Amino acid sequence: MSSRERILGRVRRALADVPADDTPYERAVARDYLRRHGGPDTAATVALLAENLADYRALVHRCERAGLPALIARLLDARGAASVLVPPGLDEGWLAESGARRVADRADSTPGELDRVDSVVTGCAVAVAETGTLVLDGSPDQGRRRITLVPDHHICVVRVPDQVVSSVPEALPRLDPRRPLTWISGPSATSDIELDRVEGVHGPRTLEVVLMSEEAAAPLA
């Protein structure tokens, strides 16, 4: 018997005496809490997202859509990136001004091959302002989960304001729980019992977030 079969067997035994007409869990647990905190001030929500991303040591940039290719090229050049991993559905125009070698997101790529890639550029599914969190769901512009965990430098583009929400409860209805969700709050980091911070253990050491707007945006403080 596999571990999966053993666990499912325990669940079935625990539920064996539950009446067939018992109140479903979705209705038994009240979910009348607020999904959005504060007013519908988009600028304030985006500013809070930027503040919390920076607090997690992510590098935050803002630009208009027309300026995105130049910004990404500048970030890759500053990193000295000779190669960049590209999800299959990423807008080709985003990398139009970069001379870095494109590496395709392939199912048969080995961890060693991914580790030799300098950077990865992706979109995202949603960004949560209150927690400074980016959520990736494996959509074509984000690629497989592992391509954002192995390379040491990740550039993530967030469409503002469409992909920005204020809270986690507001984000959840936008996400499909059947998809491979990756929740990212800053660069990879961990601390030992003496609180020595080590970055890059289980993800990229450098996370750069581009808040891309259709309209001109004021520079961040």
Protein backbone atom coordinates (compact mmCIF):
# COMPACT_ATOMS: atom_id res chain seq x y z
CA MET A 1 0.00 0.00 0.00
CA SER A 2 1.37 3.40 -0.97
CA SER A 3 1.48 6.42 1.35
CA ARG A 4 -1.22 8.04 -0.77
CA GLU A 5 -3.57 5.05 -0.41
CA ARG A 6 -2.89 4.90 3.35
CA ILE A 7 -3.75 8.58 3.84
CA LEU A 8 -6.88 8.40 1.70
CA GLY A 9 -7.96 5.32 3.64
CA ARG A 10 -7.71 7.24 6.91
CA VAL A 11 -9.78 10.06 5.43
CA ARG A 12 -12.49 7.63 4.30
CA ARG A 13 -12.64 6.03 7.76
CA ALA A 14 -12.87 9.44 9.44
CA LEU A 15 -15.79 10.39 7.19
CA ALA A 16 -17.60 7.06 7.39
CA ASP A 17 -20.09 8.21 10.05
CA VAL A 18 -20.84 11.60 8.49
CA PRO A 19 -24.53 11.75 7.42
CA ALA A 20 -25.06 12.02 3.69
CA ASP A 21 -27.21 15.11 4.21
CA ASP A 22 -24.71 16.88 6.49
CA THR A 23 -24.04 20.56 5.73
CA PRO A 24 -21.23 20.81 3.15
CA TYR A 25 -18.01 22.35 4.44
CA GLU A 26 -18.33 25.27 2.03
CA ARG A 27 -21.57 26.33 3.78
CA ALA A 28 -20.75 25.15 7.31
CA VAL A 29 -17.81 27.56 7.67
CA ALA A 30 -18.82 31.22 7.58
CA ARG A 31 -16.76 33.28 5.13
CA ASP A 32 -18.22 36.68 5.82
CA TYR A 33 -14.87 38.36 6.47
CA LEU A 34 -13.73 41.37 4.46
CA ARG A 35 -11.99 40.54 1.21
CA ARG A 36 -10.66 44.03 0.64
CA HIS A 37 -9.22 46.35 3.28
CA GLY A 38 -9.32 50.11 2.85
CA GLY A 39 -10.81 52.05 -0.01
CA PRO A 40 -10.61 51.42 -3.77
CA ASP A 41 -7.58 53.73 -4.20
CA THR A 42 -5.59 51.98 -6.92
CA ALA A 43 -2.56 54.22 -6.58
CA ALA A 44 -2.39 53.58 -2.82
CA THR A 45 -2.70 49.82 -3.34
CA VAL A 46 0.10 49.77 -5.91
CA ALA A 47 2.27 51.95 -3.65
CA LEU A 48 1.68 49.51 -0.76
CA LEU A 49 2.67 46.61 -3.00
CA ALA A 50 5.89 48.37 -3.98
CA GLU A 51 6.67 49.20 -0.35
CA ASN A 52 6.18 45.62 0.85
CA LEU A 53 8.10 44.13 -2.07
CA ALA A 54 11.03 46.40 -1.23
CA ASP A 55 10.70 45.49 2.46
CA TYR A 56 11.30 41.87 1.41
CA ARG A 57 14.46 43.02 -0.42
CA ALA A 58 13.01 42.71 -3.90
CA LEU A 59 14.17 45.38 -6.37
CA VAL A 60 11.14 47.31 -7.60
CA HIS A 61 10.87 49.23 -10.88
CA ARG A 62 7.99 51.07 -12.56
CA CYS A 63 7.50 51.78 -16.23
CA GLU A 64 4.93 52.19 -18.97
CA ARG A 65 4.29 49.36 -21.42
CA ALA A 66 6.26 51.15 -24.16
CA GLY A 67 9.32 51.39 -21.92
CA LEU A 68 9.32 47.76 -20.77
CA PRO A 69 11.70 46.30 -23.42
CA ALA A 70 14.34 48.94 -22.68
CA LEU A 71 13.99 48.44 -18.93
CA ILE A 72 14.32 44.65 -19.13
CA ALA A 73 17.35 45.01 -21.41
CA ARG A 74 18.93 47.42 -18.91
CA LEU A 75 18.26 45.07 -15.96
CA LEU A 76 19.76 42.10 -17.80
CA ASP A 77 22.81 44.12 -18.85
CA ALA A 78 23.34 45.37 -15.30
CA ARG A 79 23.29 41.77 -14.15
CA GLY A 80 25.73 40.74 -16.89
CA ALA A 81 23.21 38.15 -18.08
CA ALA A 82 24.38 36.40 -21.24
CA SER A 83 21.40 34.01 -21.24
CA VAL A 84 17.76 34.39 -20.24
CA LEU A 85 15.13 31.68 -19.75
CA VAL A 86 11.92 32.47 -21.60
CA PRO A 87 8.48 30.88 -20.92
CA PRO A 88 6.70 29.79 -24.12
CA GLY A 89 3.90 32.37 -23.84
CA LEU A 90 6.00 35.39 -22.87
CA ASP A 91 5.41 38.45 -25.05
CA GLU A 92 8.37 38.44 -27.46
CA GLY A 93 8.39 42.23 -27.47
CA TRP A 94 9.45 42.30 -23.82
CA LEU A 95 12.93 41.07 -24.78
CA ALA A 96 13.15 42.89 -28.10
CA GLU A 97 15.97 45.18 -26.93
CA SER A 98 18.02 42.57 -25.11
CA GLY A 99 20.91 40.74 -26.76
CA ALA A 100 20.93 37.92 -24.19
CA ARG A 101 20.67 34.40 -25.59
CA ARG A 102 17.15 33.01 -25.24
CA VAL A 103 16.77 29.64 -23.51
CA ALA A 104 13.45 27.84 -24.01
CA ASP A 105 11.44 26.39 -21.13
CA ARG A 106 11.71 22.66 -21.94
CA ALA A 107 10.24 19.71 -20.07
CA ASP A 108 13.50 17.78 -20.35
CA SER A 109 15.80 20.53 -19.02
CA THR A 110 18.00 19.24 -16.20
CA PRO A 111 18.60 21.16 -12.94
CA GLY A 112 22.19 21.66 -14.06
CA GLU A 113 21.09 23.24 -17.34
CA LEU A 114 18.71 25.57 -15.53
CA ASP A 115 21.39 26.51 -13.03
CA ARG A 116 23.67 27.66 -15.85
CA VAL A 117 21.05 30.15 -17.10
CA ASP A 118 21.79 33.67 -15.87
CA SER A 119 18.25 35.07 -15.60
CA VAL A 120 14.58 34.30 -16.13
CA VAL A 121 11.81 36.72 -17.16
CA THR A 122 8.15 35.93 -16.44
CA GLY A 123 4.75 37.47 -16.00
CA CYS A 124 2.58 36.68 -12.98
CA ALA A 125 -1.01 35.72 -12.16
CA VAL A 126 -1.68 38.19 -9.35
CA ALA A 127 0.21 40.40 -6.88
CA VAL A 128 -0.97 40.96 -3.28
CA ALA A 129 -0.24 44.42 -1.89
CA GLU A 130 -0.70 43.76 1.84
CA THR A 131 1.79 40.88 1.87
CA GLY A 132 4.10 41.93 -0.95
CA THR A 133 3.44 38.59 -2.63
CA LEU A 134 3.62 37.53 -6.27
CA VAL A 135 1.61 34.48 -7.31
CA LEU A 136 2.60 32.44 -10.37
CA ASP A 137 0.24 29.76 -11.68
CA GLY A 138 2.19 28.13 -14.50
CA SER A 139 0.40 30.04 -17.27
CA PRO A 140 2.21 30.31 -20.63
CA ASP A 141 3.84 33.63 -19.72
CA GLN A 142 5.16 32.12 -16.46
CA GLY A 143 6.29 28.65 -17.48
CA ARG A 144 7.04 25.67 -15.26
CA ARG A 145 7.49 26.23 -11.54
CA ARG A 146 11.13 25.16 -11.55
CA ILE A 147 12.31 27.83 -13.98
CA THR A 148 11.65 30.46 -11.27
CA LEU A 149 13.30 28.39 -8.53
CA VAL A 150 16.66 27.36 -10.04
CA PRO A 151 18.09 30.41 -11.90
CA ASP A 152 19.65 32.96 -9.56
CA HIS A 153 17.97 36.06 -11.03
CA HIS A 154 14.24 36.46 -11.66
CA ILE A 155 12.56 39.44 -13.34
CA CYS A 156 8.79 39.33 -12.82
CA VAL A 157 6.48 41.73 -14.67
CA VAL A 158 3.21 42.75 -12.99
CA ARG A 159 0.50 44.45 -15.06
CA VAL A 160 -0.79 47.47 -13.16
CA PRO A 161 -3.55 47.77 -12.07
CA ASP A 162 -5.17 44.62 -13.52
CA GLN A 163 -3.03 42.10 -11.62
CA VAL A 164 -2.78 43.97 -8.30
CA VAL A 165 -5.14 43.22 -5.40
CA SER A 166 -5.09 44.48 -1.83
CA SER A 167 -5.38 41.22 0.16
CA VAL A 168 -5.02 37.44 0.01
CA PRO A 169 -8.84 36.89 0.27
CA GLU A 170 -9.22 39.15 -2.75
CA ALA A 171 -6.57 37.18 -4.66
CA LEU A 172 -7.90 33.67 -4.05
CA PRO A 173 -11.01 33.88 -6.30
CA ARG A 174 -8.72 34.82 -9.19
CA LEU A 175 -6.66 31.64 -8.82
CA ASP A 176 -7.38 28.08 -9.90
CA PRO A 177 -6.44 25.73 -7.00
CA ARG A 178 -5.82 22.95 -9.51
CA ARG A 179 -2.89 24.84 -11.03
CA PRO A 180 0.70 24.75 -9.66
CA LEU A 181 0.62 27.92 -7.60
CA THR A 182 3.91 29.48 -6.47
CA TRP A 183 3.66 32.24 -3.85
CA ILE A 184 6.72 34.49 -3.80
CA SER A 185 7.36 37.06 -1.08
CA GLY A 186 10.77 38.48 -1.89
CA PRO A 187 13.98 36.67 -2.89
CA SER A 188 14.69 33.22 -1.51
CA ALA A 189 15.92 33.52 2.08
CA THR A 190 16.20 31.49 5.25
CA SER A 191 17.74 31.95 8.70
CA ASP A 192 19.33 29.51 11.14
CA ILE A 193 18.84 29.49 14.90
CA GLU A 194 21.32 32.36 15.24
CA LEU A 195 19.29 34.41 12.73
CA ASP A 196 22.04 34.44 10.11
CA ARG A 197 20.21 35.19 6.87
CA VAL A 198 21.17 33.12 3.83
CA GLU A 199 19.71 33.94 0.41
CA GLY A 200 19.36 31.69 -2.62
CA VAL A 201 18.82 28.36 -0.84
CA HIS A 202 15.48 27.47 -2.44
CA GLY A 203 15.04 30.08 -5.14
CA PRO A 204 16.70 33.08 -6.80
CA ARG A 205 18.86 35.36 -4.67
CA THR A 206 17.80 38.37 -6.71
CA LEU A 207 14.16 39.18 -7.45
CA GLU A 208 13.35 42.22 -9.58
CA VAL A 209 9.71 43.24 -9.94
CA VAL A 210 8.56 45.51 -12.75
CA LEU A 211 5.24 47.24 -12.16
CA MET A 212 4.14 47.88 -15.73
CA SER A 213 1.41 50.43 -16.31
CA GLU A 214 -0.34 51.60 -19.45
CA GLU A 215 -0.15 55.12 -18.06
CA ALA A 216 2.77 57.20 -16.91
CA ALA A 217 3.67 56.40 -13.32
CA ALA A 218 5.29 58.57 -10.70
CA PRO A 219 8.79 57.39 -9.66
CA LEU A 220 9.02 55.35 -6.49
CA ALA A 221 10.50 56.94 -3.40
